[in-house]
Amino acid sequence: MKSYIVEKLETFKKLNKNRARLLISCSDQPGIVAAVSQFLYEHDANILESNQYSTDPHGGRVFYSY
């Protein structure tokens, strides 16, 4: 007999089999969001949520989570 937790985990995996998380870290520059959005569009992906953080908007590092 499967445990309750195992059953819930299996159900979660089935319901979310087409979901992914994309994490990006790169030099901050114009066009990054546009390039990522275009790539995801070309691969039939949909952005449900997006977060970003920049260490310095003028040449720092930027971190994106999609």
PDB file of N, CA and C in Angstrom:
ATOM      1  N   MET A   1       0.837  -1.183   0.000  1.00  0.00           N
ATOM      2  CA  MET A   1       0.000   0.000   0.000  1.00  0.00           C
ATOM      3  C   MET A   1       0.883   1.247   0.000  1.00  0.00           C
ATOM      4  N   LYS A   2       0.604   2.170  -0.918  1.00  0.00           N
ATOM      5  CA  LYS A   2       1.393   3.392  -1.015  1.00  0.00           C
ATOM      6  C   LYS A   2       1.031   4.351   0.112  1.00  0.00           C
ATOM      7  N   SER A   3       2.048   5.068   0.542  1.00  0.00           N
ATOM      8  CA  SER A   3       1.791   6.056   1.586  1.00  0.00           C
ATOM      9  C   SER A   3       1.085   7.275   0.989  1.00  0.00           C
ATOM     10  N   TYR A   4       0.465   8.022   1.839  1.00  0.00           N
ATOM     11  CA  TYR A   4      -0.252   9.234   1.431  1.00  0.00           C
ATOM     12  C   TYR A   4       0.691  10.207   0.721  1.00  0.00           C
ATOM     13  N   ILE A   5       1.892  10.381   1.260  1.00  0.00           N
ATOM     14  CA  ILE A   5       2.864  11.313   0.685  1.00  0.00           C
ATOM     15  C   ILE A   5       3.295  10.864  -0.706  1.00  0.00           C
ATOM     16  N   VAL A   6       3.551   9.584  -0.882  1.00  0.00           N
ATOM     17  CA  VAL A   6       3.954   9.060  -2.188  1.00  0.00           C
ATOM     18  C   VAL A   6       2.839   9.270  -3.205  1.00  0.00           C
ATOM     19  N   GLU A   7       1.612   9.023  -2.825  1.00  0.00           N
ATOM     20  CA  GLU A   7       0.477   9.231  -3.729  1.00  0.00           C
ATOM     21  C   GLU A   7       0.346  10.705  -4.116  1.00  0.00           C
ATOM     22  N   LYS A   8       0.490  11.604  -3.162  1.00  0.00           N
ATOM     23  CA  LYS A   8       0.402  13.038  -3.445  1.00  0.00           C
ATOM     24  C   LYS A   8       1.538  13.478  -4.364  1.00  0.00           C
ATOM     25  N   LEU A   9       2.737  12.972  -4.141  1.00  0.00           N
ATOM     26  CA  LEU A   9       3.881  13.312  -4.980  1.00  0.00           C
ATOM     27  C   LEU A   9       3.678  12.830  -6.410  1.00  0.00           C
ATOM     28  N   GLU A  10       3.184  11.630  -6.582  1.00  0.00           N
ATOM     29  CA  GLU A  10       2.920  11.097  -7.921  1.00  0.00           C
ATOM     30  C   GLU A  10       1.849  11.915  -8.636  1.00  0.00           C
ATOM     31  N   THR A  11       0.813  12.314  -7.922  1.00  0.00           N
ATOM     32  CA  THR A  11      -0.238  13.149  -8.505  1.00  0.00           C
ATOM     33  C   THR A  11       0.326  14.502  -8.925  1.00  0.00           C
ATOM     34  N   PHE A  12       1.144  15.099  -8.065  1.00  0.00           N
ATOM     35  CA  PHE A  12       1.769  16.387  -8.381  1.00  0.00           C
ATOM     36  C   PHE A  12       2.628  16.280  -9.635  1.00  0.00           C
ATOM     37  N   LYS A  13       3.424  15.231  -9.743  1.00  0.00           N
ATOM     38  CA  LYS A  13       4.285  15.038 -10.917  1.00  0.00           C
ATOM     39  C   LYS A  13       3.466  14.897 -12.194  1.00  0.00           C
ATOM     40  N   LYS A  14       2.365  14.172 -12.138  1.00  0.00           N
ATOM     41  CA  LYS A  14       1.510  13.998 -13.320  1.00  0.00           C
ATOM     42  C   LYS A  14       0.883  15.320 -13.746  1.00  0.00           C
ATOM     43  N   LEU A  15       0.430  16.111 -12.783  1.00  0.00           N
ATOM     44  CA  LEU A  15      -0.232  17.376 -13.092  1.00  0.00           C
ATOM     45  C   LEU A  15       0.743  18.448 -13.573  1.00  0.00           C
ATOM     46  N   ASN A  16       2.016  18.302 -13.245  1.00  0.00           N
ATOM     47  CA  ASN A  16       3.010  19.325 -13.565  1.00  0.00           C
ATOM     48  C   ASN A  16       4.100  18.829 -14.505  1.00  0.00           C
ATOM     49  N   LYS A  17       3.817  17.803 -15.294  1.00  0.00           N
ATOM     50  CA  LYS A  17       4.865  17.209 -16.125  1.00  0.00           C
ATOM     51  C   LYS A  17       5.358  18.146 -17.225  1.00  0.00           C
ATOM     52  N   ASN A  18       4.587  19.148 -17.598  1.00  0.00           N
ATOM     53  CA  ASN A  18       4.999  20.078 -18.644  1.00  0.00           C
ATOM     54  C   ASN A  18       5.431  21.431 -18.088  1.00  0.00           C
ATOM     55  N   ARG A  19       5.814  21.477 -16.844  1.00  0.00           N
ATOM     56  CA  ARG A  19       6.254  22.727 -16.224  1.00  0.00           C
ATOM     57  C   ARG A  19       7.754  22.692 -15.999  1.00  0.00           C
ATOM     58  N   ALA A  20       8.353  23.872 -16.045  1.00  0.00           N
ATOM     59  CA  ALA A  20       9.793  23.980 -15.819  1.00  0.00           C
ATOM     60  C   ALA A  20      10.093  25.342 -15.207  1.00  0.00           C
ATOM     61  N   ARG A  21      11.270  25.463 -14.678  1.00  0.00           N
ATOM     62  CA  ARG A  21      11.736  26.733 -14.139  1.00  0.00           C
ATOM     63  C   ARG A  21      13.037  27.077 -14.840  1.00  0.00           C
ATOM     64  N   LEU A  22      13.154  28.308 -15.286  1.00  0.00           N
ATOM     65  CA  LEU A  22      14.335  28.778 -15.990  1.00  0.00           C
ATOM     66  C   LEU A  22      15.013  29.829 -15.128  1.00  0.00           C
ATOM     67  N   LEU A  23      16.277  29.603 -14.787  1.00  0.00           N
ATOM     68  CA  LEU A  23      17.060  30.550 -13.996  1.00  0.00           C
ATOM     69  C   LEU A  23      18.215  31.039 -14.859  1.00  0.00           C
ATOM     70  N   ILE A  24      18.374  32.352 -14.956  1.00  0.00           N
ATOM     71  CA  ILE A  24      19.411  32.941 -15.799  1.00  0.00           C
ATOM     72  C   ILE A  24      20.216  33.934 -14.977  1.00  0.00           C
ATOM     73  N   SER A  25      21.541  33.891 -15.126  1.00  0.00           N
ATOM     74  CA  SER A  25      22.446  34.858 -14.525  1.00  0.00           C
ATOM     75  C   SER A  25      23.392  35.317 -15.628  1.00  0.00           C
ATOM     76  N   CYS A  26      23.445  36.631 -15.873  1.00  0.00           N
ATOM     77  CA  CYS A  26      24.308  37.144 -16.942  1.00  0.00           C
ATOM     78  C   CYS A  26      24.604  38.620 -16.691  1.00  0.00           C
ATOM     79  N   SER A  27      25.464  39.185 -17.536  1.00  0.00           N
ATOM     80  CA  SER A  27      25.746  40.617 -17.459  1.00  0.00           C
ATOM     81  C   SER A  27      24.486  41.383 -17.826  1.00  0.00           C
ATOM     82  N   ASP A  28      24.191  42.429 -17.068  1.00  0.00           N
ATOM     83  CA  ASP A  28      22.993  43.228 -17.325  1.00  0.00           C
ATOM     84  C   ASP A  28      23.204  44.058 -18.585  1.00  0.00           C
ATOM     85  N   GLN A  29      22.299  43.902 -19.542  1.00  0.00           N
ATOM     86  CA  GLN A  29      22.369  44.665 -20.789  1.00  0.00           C
ATOM     87  C   GLN A  29      20.991  44.704 -21.432  1.00  0.00           C
ATOM     88  N   PRO A  30      20.736  45.661 -22.296  1.00  0.00           N
ATOM     89  CA  PRO A  30      19.442  45.746 -22.969  1.00  0.00           C
ATOM     90  C   PRO A  30      19.188  44.525 -23.857  1.00  0.00           C
ATOM     91  N   GLY A  31      17.933  44.085 -23.908  1.00  0.00           N
ATOM     92  CA  GLY A  31      17.537  43.025 -24.827  1.00  0.00           C
ATOM     93  C   GLY A  31      17.482  41.626 -24.262  1.00  0.00           C
ATOM     94  N   ILE A  32      17.887  41.430 -23.006  1.00  0.00           N
ATOM     95  CA  ILE A  32      17.904  40.080 -22.436  1.00  0.00           C
ATOM     96  C   ILE A  32      16.484  39.526 -22.334  1.00  0.00           C
ATOM     97  N   VAL A  33      15.577  40.298 -21.773  1.00  0.00           N
ATOM     98  CA  VAL A  33      14.194  39.832 -21.617  1.00  0.00           C
ATOM     99  C   VAL A  33      13.576  39.560 -22.986  1.00  0.00           C
ATOM    100  N   ALA A  34      13.838  40.418 -23.954  1.00  0.00           N
ATOM    101  CA  ALA A  34      13.303  40.218 -25.304  1.00  0.00           C
ATOM    102  C   ALA A  34      13.836  38.929 -25.920  1.00  0.00           C
ATOM    103  N   ALA A  35      15.130  38.665 -25.757  1.00  0.00           N
ATOM    104  CA  ALA A  35      15.725  37.455 -26.331  1.00  0.00           C
ATOM    105  C   ALA A  35      15.170  36.196 -25.678  1.00  0.00           C
ATOM    106  N   VAL A  36      15.049  36.203 -24.360  1.00  0.00           N
ATOM    107  CA  VAL A  36      14.507  35.040 -23.654  1.00  0.00           C
ATOM    108  C   VAL A  36      13.043  34.838 -24.033  1.00  0.00           C
ATOM    109  N   SER A  37      12.284  35.921 -24.072  1.00  0.00           N
ATOM    110  CA  SER A  37      10.867  35.821 -24.443  1.00  0.00           C
ATOM    111  C   SER A  37      10.703  35.271 -25.852  1.00  0.00           C
ATOM    112  N   GLN A  38      11.526  35.727 -26.785  1.00  0.00           N
ATOM    113  CA  GLN A  38      11.458  35.236 -28.161  1.00  0.00           C
ATOM    114  C   GLN A  38      11.790  33.748 -28.222  1.00  0.00           C
ATOM    115  N   PHE A  39      12.826  33.330 -27.492  1.00  0.00           N
ATOM    116  CA  PHE A  39      13.211  31.916 -27.456  1.00  0.00           C
ATOM    117  C   PHE A  39      12.072  31.053 -26.923  1.00  0.00           C
ATOM    118  N   LEU A  40      11.470  31.481 -25.821  1.00  0.00           N
ATOM    119  CA  LEU A  40      10.375  30.714 -25.232  1.00  0.00           C
ATOM    120  C   LEU A  40       9.171  30.676 -26.168  1.00  0.00           C
ATOM    121  N   TYR A  41       8.877  31.783 -26.820  1.00  0.00           N
ATOM    122  CA  TYR A  41       7.774  31.836 -27.785  1.00  0.00           C
ATOM    123  C   TYR A  41       8.009  30.846 -28.926  1.00  0.00           C
ATOM    124  N   GLU A  42       9.233  30.807 -29.447  1.00  0.00           N
ATOM    125  CA  GLU A  42       9.559  29.910 -30.556  1.00  0.00           C
ATOM    126  C   GLU A  42       9.452  28.438 -30.174  1.00  0.00           C
ATOM    127  N   HIS A  43       9.517  28.158 -28.878  1.00  0.00           N
ATOM    128  CA  HIS A  43       9.421  26.777 -28.394  1.00  0.00           C
ATOM    129  C   HIS A  43       8.078  26.503 -27.710  1.00  0.00           C
ATOM    130  N   ASP A  44       7.078  27.326 -28.034  1.00  0.00           N
ATOM    131  CA  ASP A  44       5.708  27.157 -27.527  1.00  0.00           C
ATOM    132  C   ASP A  44       5.619  27.141 -26.007  1.00  0.00           C
ATOM    133  N   ALA A  45       6.476  27.912 -25.358  1.00  0.00           N
ATOM    134  CA  ALA A  45       6.448  27.999 -23.898  1.00  0.00           C
ATOM    135  C   ALA A  45       5.652  29.233 -23.474  1.00  0.00           C
ATOM    136  N   ASN A  46       5.122  29.181 -22.277  1.00  0.00           N
ATOM    137  CA  ASN A  46       4.323  30.263 -21.725  1.00  0.00           C
ATOM    138  C   ASN A  46       4.932  30.689 -20.396  1.00  0.00           C
ATOM    139  N   ILE A  47       5.117  31.984 -20.197  1.00  0.00           N
ATOM    140  CA  ILE A  47       5.664  32.502 -18.944  1.00  0.00           C
ATOM    141  C   ILE A  47       4.507  32.762 -17.989  1.00  0.00           C
ATOM    142  N   LEU A  48       4.497  32.061 -16.870  1.00  0.00           N
ATOM    143  CA  LEU A  48       3.449  32.243 -15.866  1.00  0.00           C
ATOM    144  C   LEU A  48       3.856  33.250 -14.800  1.00  0.00           C
ATOM    145  N   GLU A  49       5.161  33.348 -14.568  1.00  0.00           N
ATOM    146  CA  GLU A  49       5.663  34.263 -13.542  1.00  0.00           C
ATOM    147  C   GLU A  49       7.093  34.627 -13.894  1.00  0.00           C
ATOM    148  N   SER A  50       7.494  35.851 -13.570  1.00  0.00           N
ATOM    149  CA  SER A  50       8.844  36.304 -13.875  1.00  0.00           C
ATOM    150  C   SER A  50       9.341  37.197 -12.747  1.00  0.00           C
ATOM    151  N   ASN A  51      10.607  36.997 -12.359  1.00  0.00           N
ATOM    152  CA  ASN A  51      11.246  37.834 -11.343  1.00  0.00           C
ATOM    153  C   ASN A  51      12.632  38.199 -11.840  1.00  0.00           C
ATOM    154  N   GLN A  52      13.111  39.373 -11.440  1.00  0.00           N
ATOM    155  CA  GLN A  52      14.460  39.759 -11.822  1.00  0.00           C
ATOM    156  C   GLN A  52      15.094  40.606 -10.736  1.00  0.00           C
ATOM    157  N   TYR A  53      16.440  40.555 -10.701  1.00  0.00           N
ATOM    158  CA  TYR A  53      17.205  41.342  -9.749  1.00  0.00           C
ATOM    159  C   TYR A  53      18.520  41.717 -10.412  1.00  0.00           C
ATOM    160  N   SER A  54      18.915  42.963 -10.322  1.00  0.00           N
ATOM    161  CA  SER A  54      20.178  43.424 -10.893  1.00  0.00           C
ATOM    162  C   SER A  54      21.069  43.956  -9.782  1.00  0.00           C
ATOM    163  N   THR A  55      22.360  43.594  -9.833  1.00  0.00           N
ATOM    164  CA  THR A  55      23.310  44.112  -8.849  1.00  0.00           C
ATOM    165  C   THR A  55      23.664  45.562  -9.151  1.00  0.00           C
ATOM    166  N   ASP A  56      23.577  45.943 -10.433  1.00  0.00           N
ATOM    167  CA  ASP A  56      23.844  47.314 -10.868  1.00  0.00           C
ATOM    168  C   ASP A  56      23.282  47.457 -12.275  1.00  0.00           C
ATOM    169  N   PRO A  57      22.334  48.357 -12.496  1.00  0.00           N
ATOM    170  CA  PRO A  57      21.718  48.470 -13.822  1.00  0.00           C
ATOM    171  C   PRO A  57      22.678  48.943 -14.913  1.00  0.00           C
ATOM    172  N   HIS A  58      23.877  49.342 -14.550  1.00  0.00           N
ATOM    173  CA  HIS A  58      24.864  49.808 -15.532  1.00  0.00           C
ATOM    174  C   HIS A  58      26.071  48.876 -15.546  1.00  0.00           C
ATOM    175  N   GLY A  59      25.872  47.665 -16.043  1.00  0.00           N
ATOM    176  CA  GLY A  59      26.988  46.733 -16.198  1.00  0.00           C
ATOM    177  C   GLY A  59      27.116  45.686 -15.113  1.00  0.00           C
ATOM    178  N   GLY A  60      26.180  45.617 -14.191  1.00  0.00           N
ATOM    179  CA  GLY A  60      26.240  44.604 -13.138  1.00  0.00           C
ATOM    180  C   GLY A  60      25.721  43.253 -13.614  1.00  0.00           C
ATOM    181  N   ARG A  61      25.516  42.362 -12.684  1.00  0.00           N
ATOM    182  CA  ARG A  61      24.939  41.048 -12.981  1.00  0.00           C
ATOM    183  C   ARG A  61      23.436  41.144 -12.806  1.00  0.00           C
ATOM    184  N   VAL A  62      22.726  40.389 -13.628  1.00  0.00           N
ATOM    185  CA  VAL A  62      21.276  40.340 -13.511  1.00  0.00           C
ATOM    186  C   VAL A  62      20.865  38.882 -13.359  1.00  0.00           C
ATOM    187  N   PHE A  63      19.859  38.663 -12.552  1.00  0.00           N
ATOM    188  CA  PHE A  63      19.358  37.319 -12.282  1.00  0.00           C
ATOM    189  C   PHE A  63      17.878  37.294 -12.640  1.00  0.00           C
ATOM    190  N   TYR A  64      17.488  36.329 -13.452  1.00  0.00           N
ATOM    191  CA  TYR A  64      16.100  36.172 -13.875  1.00  0.00           C
ATOM    192  C   TYR A  64      15.589  34.815 -13.442  1.00  0.00           C
ATOM    193  N   SER A  65      14.346  34.779 -13.072  1.00  0.00           N
ATOM    194  CA  SER A  65      13.659  33.529 -12.761  1.00  0.00           C
ATOM    195  C   SER A  65      12.339  33.544 -13.507  1.00  0.00           C
ATOM    196  N   TYR A  66      12.146  32.550 -14.374  1.00  0.00           N
ATOM    197  CA  TYR A  66      10.905  32.406 -15.140  1.00  0.00           C
ATOM    198  C   TYR A  66      10.233  31.127 -14.736  1.00  0.00           C
TER     199      TYR A  66
END
